[in-house]
Amino acid sequence: MGFIMEFAENLILRLMEDPIERDRKFREHVYATKERTKKTLEMWSYPIRPYGFWTFDRHNAQLFWDPQISQAPGRRDPYDDLLNDGSSSS
């Protein structure tokens, strides 16, 4: 009977993972995750687009081309009315 118990104990111990090895793997995982987090936070701190990117013509082209949008209140050039009034009166 002692042989069977010894065999079962050895079998169970072989199937169980080593706690020191488990802790080492977990610690490596935590350190690697922390490094990746630092890198990600550093990348997030950089601006995605350069200064003035959204003022380029290709982003505002539709606003200039589409008369319905370009003549909307707030986008309309106030000097256009003055130029049109001045040219029609002369």
PDB file of N, CA and C in Angstrom:
ATOM      1  N   MET A   1       0.823  -1.199   0.000  1.00  0.00           N
ATOM      2  CA  MET A   1       0.000   0.000   0.000  1.00  0.00           C
ATOM      3  C   MET A   1       0.868   1.264   0.000  1.00  0.00           C
ATOM      4  N   GLY A   2       1.999   1.200   0.683  1.00  0.00           N
ATOM      5  CA  GLY A   2       2.896   2.351   0.735  1.00  0.00           C
ATOM      6  C   GLY A   2       3.454   2.687  -0.638  1.00  0.00           C
ATOM      7  N   PHE A   3       3.664   1.632  -1.456  1.00  0.00           N
ATOM      8  CA  PHE A   3       4.185   1.857  -2.806  1.00  0.00           C
ATOM      9  C   PHE A   3       3.189   2.655  -3.640  1.00  0.00           C
ATOM     10  N   ILE A   4       1.910   2.308  -3.527  1.00  0.00           N
ATOM     11  CA  ILE A   4       0.879   3.004  -4.305  1.00  0.00           C
ATOM     12  C   ILE A   4       0.772   4.465  -3.863  1.00  0.00           C
ATOM     13  N   MET A   5       0.831   4.695  -2.551  1.00  0.00           N
ATOM     14  CA  MET A   5       0.746   6.072  -2.050  1.00  0.00           C
ATOM     15  C   MET A   5       1.963   6.892  -2.507  1.00  0.00           C
ATOM     16  N   GLU A   6       3.130   6.268  -2.475  1.00  0.00           N
ATOM     17  CA  GLU A   6       4.337   6.969  -2.914  1.00  0.00           C
ATOM     18  C   GLU A   6       4.272   7.276  -4.405  1.00  0.00           C
ATOM     19  N   PHE A   7       3.792   6.307  -5.175  1.00  0.00           N
ATOM     20  CA  PHE A   7       3.639   6.503  -6.620  1.00  0.00           C
ATOM     21  C   PHE A   7       2.646   7.631  -6.902  1.00  0.00           C
ATOM     22  N   ALA A   8       1.515   7.633  -6.207  1.00  0.00           N
ATOM     23  CA  ALA A   8       0.492   8.666  -6.410  1.00  0.00           C
ATOM     24  C   ALA A   8       1.037  10.040  -6.013  1.00  0.00           C
ATOM     25  N   GLU A   9       1.780  10.089  -4.910  1.00  0.00           N
ATOM     26  CA  GLU A   9       2.345  11.365  -4.466  1.00  0.00           C
ATOM     27  C   GLU A   9       3.327  11.911  -5.497  1.00  0.00           C
ATOM     28  N   ASN A  10       4.201  11.064  -6.012  1.00  0.00           N
ATOM     29  CA  ASN A  10       5.159  11.499  -7.033  1.00  0.00           C
ATOM     30  C   ASN A  10       4.451  11.935  -8.313  1.00  0.00           C
ATOM     31  N   LEU A  11       3.399  11.206  -8.669  1.00  0.00           N
ATOM     32  CA  LEU A  11       2.636  11.556  -9.869  1.00  0.00           C
ATOM     33  C   LEU A  11       1.989  12.932  -9.706  1.00  0.00           C
ATOM     34  N   ILE A  12       1.386  13.165  -8.560  1.00  0.00           N
ATOM     35  CA  ILE A  12       0.733  14.454  -8.313  1.00  0.00           C
ATOM     36  C   ILE A  12       1.759  15.585  -8.300  1.00  0.00           C
ATOM     37  N   LEU A  13       2.893  15.355  -7.654  1.00  0.00           N
ATOM     38  CA  LEU A  13       3.923  16.394  -7.600  1.00  0.00           C
ATOM     39  C   LEU A  13       4.487  16.707  -8.979  1.00  0.00           C
ATOM     40  N   ARG A  14       4.598  15.682  -9.840  1.00  0.00           N
ATOM     41  CA  ARG A  14       5.086  15.928 -11.204  1.00  0.00           C
ATOM     42  C   ARG A  14       4.063  16.711 -12.019  1.00  0.00           C
ATOM     43  N   LEU A  15       2.774  16.476 -11.757  1.00  0.00           N
ATOM     44  CA  LEU A  15       1.738  17.183 -12.511  1.00  0.00           C
ATOM     45  C   LEU A  15       1.581  18.635 -12.050  1.00  0.00           C
ATOM     46  N   MET A  16       1.908  18.906 -10.799  1.00  0.00           N
ATOM     47  CA  MET A  16       1.788  20.274 -10.281  1.00  0.00           C
ATOM     48  C   MET A  16       2.933  21.128 -10.822  1.00  0.00           C
ATOM     49  N   GLU A  17       2.643  22.413 -11.015  1.00  0.00           N
ATOM     50  CA  GLU A  17       3.709  23.289 -11.493  1.00  0.00           C
ATOM     51  C   GLU A  17       4.535  23.790 -10.315  1.00  0.00           C
ATOM     52  N   ASP A  18       5.761  24.114 -10.623  1.00  0.00           N
ATOM     53  CA  ASP A  18       6.685  24.594  -9.601  1.00  0.00           C
ATOM     54  C   ASP A  18       6.317  26.038  -9.237  1.00  0.00           C
ATOM     55  N   PRO A  19       6.066  26.337  -7.958  1.00  0.00           N
ATOM     56  CA  PRO A  19       5.663  27.706  -7.600  1.00  0.00           C
ATOM     57  C   PRO A  19       6.752  28.741  -7.887  1.00  0.00           C
ATOM     58  N   ILE A  20       8.004  28.360  -7.764  1.00  0.00           N
ATOM     59  CA  ILE A  20       9.090  29.306  -8.059  1.00  0.00           C
ATOM     60  C   ILE A  20       9.108  29.635  -9.545  1.00  0.00           C
ATOM     61  N   GLU A  21       8.939  28.613 -10.377  1.00  0.00           N
ATOM     62  CA  GLU A  21       8.900  28.823 -11.831  1.00  0.00           C
ATOM     63  C   GLU A  21       7.672  29.651 -12.221  1.00  0.00           C
ATOM     64  N   ARG A  22       6.531  29.357 -11.597  1.00  0.00           N
ATOM     65  CA  ARG A  22       5.306  30.108 -11.878  1.00  0.00           C
ATOM     66  C   ARG A  22       5.490  31.581 -11.517  1.00  0.00           C
ATOM     67  N   ASP A  23       6.079  31.859 -10.353  1.00  0.00           N
ATOM     68  CA  ASP A  23       6.312  33.242  -9.939  1.00  0.00           C
ATOM     69  C   ASP A  23       7.284  33.951 -10.882  1.00  0.00           C
ATOM     70  N   ARG A  24       8.304  33.245 -11.336  1.00  0.00           N
ATOM     71  CA  ARG A  24       9.272  33.840 -12.259  1.00  0.00           C
ATOM     72  C   ARG A  24       8.598  34.219 -13.579  1.00  0.00           C
ATOM     73  N   LYS A  25       7.770  33.309 -14.109  1.00  0.00           N
ATOM     74  CA  LYS A  25       7.073  33.593 -15.366  1.00  0.00           C
ATOM     75  C   LYS A  25       6.111  34.767 -15.202  1.00  0.00           C
ATOM     76  N   PHE A  26       5.401  34.790 -14.073  1.00  0.00           N
ATOM     77  CA  PHE A  26       4.458  35.882 -13.848  1.00  0.00           C
ATOM     78  C   PHE A  26       5.190  37.215 -13.719  1.00  0.00           C
ATOM     79  N   ARG A  27       6.313  37.215 -13.014  1.00  0.00           N
ATOM     80  CA  ARG A  27       7.099  38.441 -12.855  1.00  0.00           C
ATOM     81  C   ARG A  27       7.606  38.929 -14.213  1.00  0.00           C
ATOM     82  N   GLU A  28       8.087  38.015 -15.053  1.00  0.00           N
ATOM     83  CA  GLU A  28       8.538  38.400 -16.398  1.00  0.00           C
ATOM     84  C   GLU A  28       7.383  38.990 -17.201  1.00  0.00           C
ATOM     85  N   HIS A  29       6.210  38.379 -17.069  1.00  0.00           N
ATOM     86  CA  HIS A  29       5.036  38.872 -17.788  1.00  0.00           C
ATOM     87  C   HIS A  29       4.674  40.291 -17.323  1.00  0.00           C
ATOM     88  N   VAL A  30       4.699  40.511 -16.017  1.00  0.00           N
ATOM     89  CA  VAL A  30       4.360  41.832 -15.485  1.00  0.00           C
ATOM     90  C   VAL A  30       5.371  42.876 -15.954  1.00  0.00           C
ATOM     91  N   TYR A  31       6.657  42.548 -15.913  1.00  0.00           N
ATOM     92  CA  TYR A  31       7.683  43.499 -16.355  1.00  0.00           C
ATOM     93  C   TYR A  31       7.552  43.799 -17.849  1.00  0.00           C
ATOM     94  N   ALA A  32       7.286  42.775 -18.645  1.00  0.00           N
ATOM     95  CA  ALA A  32       7.122  42.995 -20.089  1.00  0.00           C
ATOM     96  C   ALA A  32       5.904  43.872 -20.362  1.00  0.00           C
ATOM     97  N   THR A  33       4.816  43.624 -19.639  1.00  0.00           N
ATOM     98  CA  THR A  33       3.616  44.440 -19.815  1.00  0.00           C
ATOM     99  C   THR A  33       3.879  45.884 -19.415  1.00  0.00           C
ATOM    100  N   LYS A  34       4.627  46.074 -18.339  1.00  0.00           N
ATOM    101  CA  LYS A  34       4.950  47.432 -17.898  1.00  0.00           C
ATOM    102  C   LYS A  34       5.789  48.158 -18.944  1.00  0.00           C
ATOM    103  N   GLU A  35       6.737  47.472 -19.560  1.00  0.00           N
ATOM    104  CA  GLU A  35       7.557  48.091 -20.613  1.00  0.00           C
ATOM    105  C   GLU A  35       6.700  48.473 -21.819  1.00  0.00           C
ATOM    106  N   ARG A  36       5.794  47.567 -22.211  1.00  0.00           N
ATOM    107  CA  ARG A  36       4.908  47.872 -23.338  1.00  0.00           C
ATOM    108  C   ARG A  36       4.006  49.054 -23.009  1.00  0.00           C
ATOM    109  N   THR A  37       3.563  49.135 -21.762  1.00  0.00           N
ATOM    110  CA  THR A  37       2.715  50.244 -21.349  1.00  0.00           C
ATOM    111  C   THR A  37       3.473  51.563 -21.421  1.00  0.00           C
ATOM    112  N   LYS A  38       4.718  51.562 -20.969  1.00  0.00           N
ATOM    113  CA  LYS A  38       5.535  52.780 -21.063  1.00  0.00           C
ATOM    114  C   LYS A  38       5.676  53.222 -22.516  1.00  0.00           C
ATOM    115  N   LYS A  39       5.947  52.261 -23.391  1.00  0.00           N
ATOM    116  CA  LYS A  39       6.121  52.581 -24.810  1.00  0.00           C
ATOM    117  C   LYS A  39       4.821  53.133 -25.396  1.00  0.00           C
ATOM    118  N   THR A  40       3.699  52.514 -25.049  1.00  0.00           N
ATOM    119  CA  THR A  40       2.410  52.970 -25.562  1.00  0.00           C
ATOM    120  C   THR A  40       2.092  54.375 -25.073  1.00  0.00           C
ATOM    121  N   LEU A  41       2.308  54.632 -23.796  1.00  0.00           N
ATOM    122  CA  LEU A  41       2.040  55.969 -23.263  1.00  0.00           C
ATOM    123  C   LEU A  41       2.944  57.014 -23.909  1.00  0.00           C
ATOM    124  N   GLU A  42       4.179  56.647 -24.195  1.00  0.00           N
ATOM    125  CA  GLU A  42       5.084  57.577 -24.872  1.00  0.00           C
ATOM    126  C   GLU A  42       4.586  57.876 -26.284  1.00  0.00           C
ATOM    127  N   MET A  43       4.120  56.837 -26.983  1.00  0.00           N
ATOM    128  CA  MET A  43       3.602  57.051 -28.335  1.00  0.00           C
ATOM    129  C   MET A  43       2.331  57.897 -28.299  1.00  0.00           C
ATOM    130  N   TRP A  44       1.498  57.716 -27.299  1.00  0.00           N
ATOM    131  CA  TRP A  44       0.268  58.503 -27.186  1.00  0.00           C
ATOM    132  C   TRP A  44       0.561  59.964 -26.898  1.00  0.00           C
ATOM    133  N   SER A  45       1.712  60.259 -26.321  1.00  0.00           N
ATOM    134  CA  SER A  45       2.024  61.647 -25.991  1.00  0.00           C
ATOM    135  C   SER A  45       2.448  62.434 -27.233  1.00  0.00           C
ATOM    136  N   TYR A  46       2.815  61.754 -28.309  1.00  0.00           N
ATOM    137  CA  TYR A  46       3.206  62.447 -29.537  1.00  0.00           C
ATOM    138  C   TYR A  46       1.965  62.950 -30.266  1.00  0.00           C
ATOM    139  N   PRO A  47       2.061  64.087 -30.956  1.00  0.00           N
ATOM    140  CA  PRO A  47       0.914  64.534 -31.748  1.00  0.00           C
ATOM    141  C   PRO A  47       0.726  63.612 -32.955  1.00  0.00           C
ATOM    142  N   ILE A  48      -0.519  63.351 -33.268  1.00  0.00           N
ATOM    143  CA  ILE A  48      -0.806  62.445 -34.382  1.00  0.00           C
ATOM    144  C   ILE A  48      -0.568  63.151 -35.716  1.00  0.00           C
ATOM    145  N   ARG A  49      -0.967  64.397 -35.785  1.00  0.00           N
ATOM    146  CA  ARG A  49      -0.814  65.171 -37.017  1.00  0.00           C
ATOM    147  C   ARG A  49       0.071  66.387 -36.748  1.00  0.00           C
ATOM    148  N   PRO A  50       0.815  66.833 -37.745  1.00  0.00           N
ATOM    149  CA  PRO A  50       1.637  68.031 -37.539  1.00  0.00           C
ATOM    150  C   PRO A  50       0.762  69.276 -37.384  1.00  0.00           C
ATOM    151  N   TYR A  51       1.368  70.324 -36.858  1.00  0.00           N
ATOM    152  CA  TYR A  51       0.635  71.571 -36.654  1.00  0.00           C
ATOM    153  C   TYR A  51       0.134  72.103 -37.995  1.00  0.00           C
ATOM    154  N   GLY A  52      -1.123  72.481 -38.059  1.00  0.00           N
ATOM    155  CA  GLY A  52      -1.702  73.025 -39.280  1.00  0.00           C
ATOM    156  C   GLY A  52      -2.173  71.980 -40.266  1.00  0.00           C
ATOM    157  N   PHE A  53      -2.166  70.705 -39.883  1.00  0.00           N
ATOM    158  CA  PHE A  53      -2.525  69.636 -40.813  1.00  0.00           C
ATOM    159  C   PHE A  53      -3.936  69.815 -41.359  1.00  0.00           C
ATOM    160  N   TRP A  54      -4.884  70.177 -40.486  1.00  0.00           N
ATOM    161  CA  TRP A  54      -6.281  70.252 -40.917  1.00  0.00           C
ATOM    162  C   TRP A  54      -6.580  71.534 -41.677  1.00  0.00           C
ATOM    163  N   THR A  55      -5.625  72.435 -41.794  1.00  0.00           N
ATOM    164  CA  THR A  55      -5.862  73.645 -42.576  1.00  0.00           C
ATOM    165  C   THR A  55      -5.357  73.500 -44.008  1.00  0.00           C
ATOM    166  N   PHE A  56      -4.819  72.340 -44.349  1.00  0.00           N
ATOM    167  CA  PHE A  56      -4.359  72.124 -45.719  1.00  0.00           C
ATOM    168  C   PHE A  56      -5.553  72.184 -46.666  1.00  0.00           C
ATOM    169  N   ASP A  57      -5.278  72.533 -47.907  1.00  0.00           N
ATOM    170  CA  ASP A  57      -6.351  72.706 -48.889  1.00  0.00           C
ATOM    171  C   ASP A  57      -7.148  71.439 -49.131  1.00  0.00           C
ATOM    172  N   ARG A  58      -6.507  70.297 -49.082  1.00  0.00           N
ATOM    173  CA  ARG A  58      -7.239  69.065 -49.395  1.00  0.00           C
ATOM    174  C   ARG A  58      -8.317  68.760 -48.358  1.00  0.00           C
ATOM    175  N   HIS A  59      -8.167  69.281 -47.141  1.00  0.00           N
ATOM    176  CA  HIS A  59      -9.180  69.046 -46.120  1.00  0.00           C
ATOM    177  C   HIS A  59     -10.310  70.065 -46.211  1.00  0.00           C
ATOM    178  N   ASN A  60     -10.014  71.223 -46.735  1.00  0.00           N
ATOM    179  CA  ASN A  60     -11.023  72.271 -46.842  1.00  0.00           C
ATOM    180  C   ASN A  60     -11.556  72.421 -48.260  1.00  0.00           C
ATOM    181  N   ALA A  61     -11.150  71.539 -49.163  1.00  0.00           N
ATOM    182  CA  ALA A  61     -11.525  71.678 -50.571  1.00  0.00           C
ATOM    183  C   ALA A  61     -13.032  71.624 -50.753  1.00  0.00           C
ATOM    184  N   GLN A  62     -13.707  70.707 -50.079  1.00  0.00           N
ATOM    185  CA  GLN A  62     -15.151  70.594 -50.266  1.00  0.00           C
ATOM    186  C   GLN A  62     -15.853  71.857 -49.772  1.00  0.00           C
ATOM    187  N   LEU A  63     -15.324  72.453 -48.727  1.00  0.00           N
ATOM    188  CA  LEU A  63     -15.937  73.680 -48.216  1.00  0.00           C
ATOM    189  C   LEU A  63     -15.841  74.803 -49.236  1.00  0.00           C
ATOM    190  N   PHE A  64     -14.757  74.817 -50.016  1.00  0.00           N
ATOM    191  CA  PHE A  64     -14.602  75.856 -51.033  1.00  0.00           C
ATOM    192  C   PHE A  64     -15.410  75.533 -52.289  1.00  0.00           C
ATOM    193  N   TRP A  65     -15.464  74.260 -52.672  1.00  0.00           N
ATOM    194  CA  TRP A  65     -16.095  73.886 -53.937  1.00  0.00           C
ATOM    195  C   TRP A  65     -17.613  73.877 -53.858  1.00  0.00           C
ATOM    196  N   ASP A  66     -18.155  73.433 -52.768  1.00  0.00           N
ATOM    197  CA  ASP A  66     -19.600  73.278 -52.657  1.00  0.00           C
ATOM    198  C   ASP A  66     -20.218  74.633 -52.291  1.00  0.00           C
ATOM    199  N   PRO A  67     -20.961  75.247 -53.204  1.00  0.00           N
ATOM    200  CA  PRO A  67     -21.490  76.584 -52.906  1.00  0.00           C
ATOM    201  C   PRO A  67     -22.476  76.590 -51.742  1.00  0.00           C
ATOM    202  N   GLN A  68     -23.185  75.488 -51.550  1.00  0.00           N
ATOM    203  CA  GLN A  68     -24.147  75.435 -50.447  1.00  0.00           C
ATOM    204  C   GLN A  68     -23.426  75.513 -49.099  1.00  0.00           C
ATOM    205  N   ILE A  69     -22.252  74.886 -49.018  1.00  0.00           N
ATOM    206  CA  ILE A  69     -21.486  74.923 -47.778  1.00  0.00           C
ATOM    207  C   ILE A  69     -20.694  76.219 -47.682  1.00  0.00           C
ATOM    208  N   SER A  70     -20.090  76.635 -48.793  1.00  0.00           N
ATOM    209  CA  SER A  70     -19.188  77.792 -48.730  1.00  0.00           C
ATOM    210  C   SER A  70     -19.941  79.091 -48.464  1.00  0.00           C
ATOM    211  N   GLN A  71     -21.215  79.150 -48.811  1.00  0.00           N
ATOM    212  CA  GLN A  71     -21.995  80.372 -48.571  1.00  0.00           C
ATOM    213  C   GLN A  71     -22.830  80.293 -47.299  1.00  0.00           C
ATOM    214  N   ALA A  72     -22.603  79.273 -46.485  1.00  0.00           N
ATOM    215  CA  ALA A  72     -23.344  79.131 -45.227  1.00  0.00           C
ATOM    216  C   ALA A  72     -22.932  80.241 -44.263  1.00  0.00           C
ATOM    217  N   PRO A  73     -23.840  80.638 -43.389  1.00  0.00           N
ATOM    218  CA  PRO A  73     -23.477  81.679 -42.408  1.00  0.00           C
ATOM    219  C   PRO A  73     -22.293  81.226 -41.563  1.00  0.00           C
ATOM    220  N   GLY A  74     -21.351  82.125 -41.400  1.00  0.00           N
ATOM    221  CA  GLY A  74     -20.156  81.801 -40.637  1.00  0.00           C
ATOM    222  C   GLY A  74     -19.003  81.384 -41.525  1.00  0.00           C
ATOM    223  N   ARG A  75     -19.282  80.867 -42.714  1.00  0.00           N
ATOM    224  CA  ARG A  75     -18.236  80.493 -43.660  1.00  0.00           C
ATOM    225  C   ARG A  75     -18.144  81.509 -44.796  1.00  0.00           C
ATOM    226  N   ARG A  76     -19.166  82.266 -44.952  1.00  0.00           N
ATOM    227  CA  ARG A  76     -19.222  83.231 -46.039  1.00  0.00           C
ATOM    228  C   ARG A  76     -18.225  84.351 -45.782  1.00  0.00           C
ATOM    229  N   ASP A  77     -17.553  84.766 -46.801  1.00  0.00           N
ATOM    230  CA  ASP A  77     -16.584  85.856 -46.677  1.00  0.00           C
ATOM    231  C   ASP A  77     -17.355  87.177 -46.634  1.00  0.00           C
ATOM    232  N   PRO A  78     -17.236  87.934 -45.560  1.00  0.00           N
ATOM    233  CA  PRO A  78     -18.023  89.180 -45.470  1.00  0.00           C
ATOM    234  C   PRO A  78     -17.628  90.212 -46.522  1.00  0.00           C
ATOM    235  N   TYR A  79     -16.442  90.112 -47.063  1.00  0.00           N
ATOM    236  CA  TYR A  79     -16.009  91.084 -48.065  1.00  0.00           C
ATOM    237  C   TYR A  79     -16.590  90.792 -49.445  1.00  0.00           C
ATOM    238  N   ASP A  80     -17.104  89.572 -49.648  1.00  0.00           N
ATOM    239  CA  ASP A  80     -17.740  89.274 -50.936  1.00  0.00           C
ATOM    240  C   ASP A  80     -18.946  90.173 -51.164  1.00  0.00           C
ATOM    241  N   ASP A  81     -19.729  90.388 -50.108  1.00  0.00           N
ATOM    242  CA  ASP A  81     -20.904  91.252 -50.255  1.00  0.00           C
ATOM    243  C   ASP A  81     -20.492  92.678 -50.610  1.00  0.00           C
ATOM    244  N   LEU A  82     -19.435  93.157 -49.970  1.00  0.00           N
ATOM    245  CA  LEU A  82     -18.967  94.515 -50.276  1.00  0.00           C
ATOM    246  C   LEU A  82     -18.464  94.618 -51.708  1.00  0.00           C
ATOM    247  N   LEU A  83     -17.738  93.588 -52.154  1.00  0.00           N
ATOM    248  CA  LEU A  83     -17.231  93.609 -53.527  1.00  0.00           C
ATOM    249  C   LEU A  83     -18.370  93.539 -54.529  1.00  0.00           C
ATOM    250  N   ASN A  84     -19.361  92.694 -54.255  1.00  0.00           N
ATOM    251  CA  ASN A  84     -20.501  92.579 -55.168  1.00  0.00           C
ATOM    252  C   ASN A  84     -21.313  93.871 -55.196  1.00  0.00           C
ATOM    253  N   ASP A  85     -21.529  94.475 -54.035  1.00  0.00           N
ATOM    254  CA  ASP A  85     -22.287  95.730 -53.991  1.00  0.00           C
ATOM    255  C   ASP A  85     -21.530  96.851 -54.700  1.00  0.00           C
ATOM    256  N   GLY A  86     -20.228  96.893 -54.499  1.00  0.00           N
ATOM    257  CA  GLY A  86     -19.423  97.949 -55.115  1.00  0.00           C
ATOM    258  C   GLY A  86     -19.343  97.803 -56.619  1.00  0.00           C
ATOM    259  N   SER A  87     -19.282  96.583 -57.128  1.00  0.00           N
ATOM    260  CA  SER A  87     -19.165  96.392 -58.574  1.00  0.00           C
ATOM    261  C   SER A  87     -20.494  96.619 -59.271  1.00  0.00           C
ATOM    262  N   SER A  88     -21.614  96.366 -58.609  1.00  0.00           N
ATOM    263  CA  SER A  88     -22.909  96.553 -59.258  1.00  0.00           C
ATOM    264  C   SER A  88     -23.315  98.022 -59.292  1.00  0.00           C
ATOM    265  N   SER A  89     -22.834  98.834 -58.341  1.00  0.00           N
ATOM    266  CA  SER A  89     -23.220 100.252 -58.310  1.00  0.00           C
ATOM    267  C   SER A  89     -22.398 101.090 -59.288  1.00  0.00           C
ATOM    268  N   SER A  90     -21.272 100.619 -59.742  1.00  0.00           N
ATOM    269  CA  SER A  90     -20.443 101.433 -60.633  1.00  0.00           C
ATOM    270  C   SER A  90     -20.768 101.270 -62.076  1.00  0.00           C
TER     271      SER A  90
END
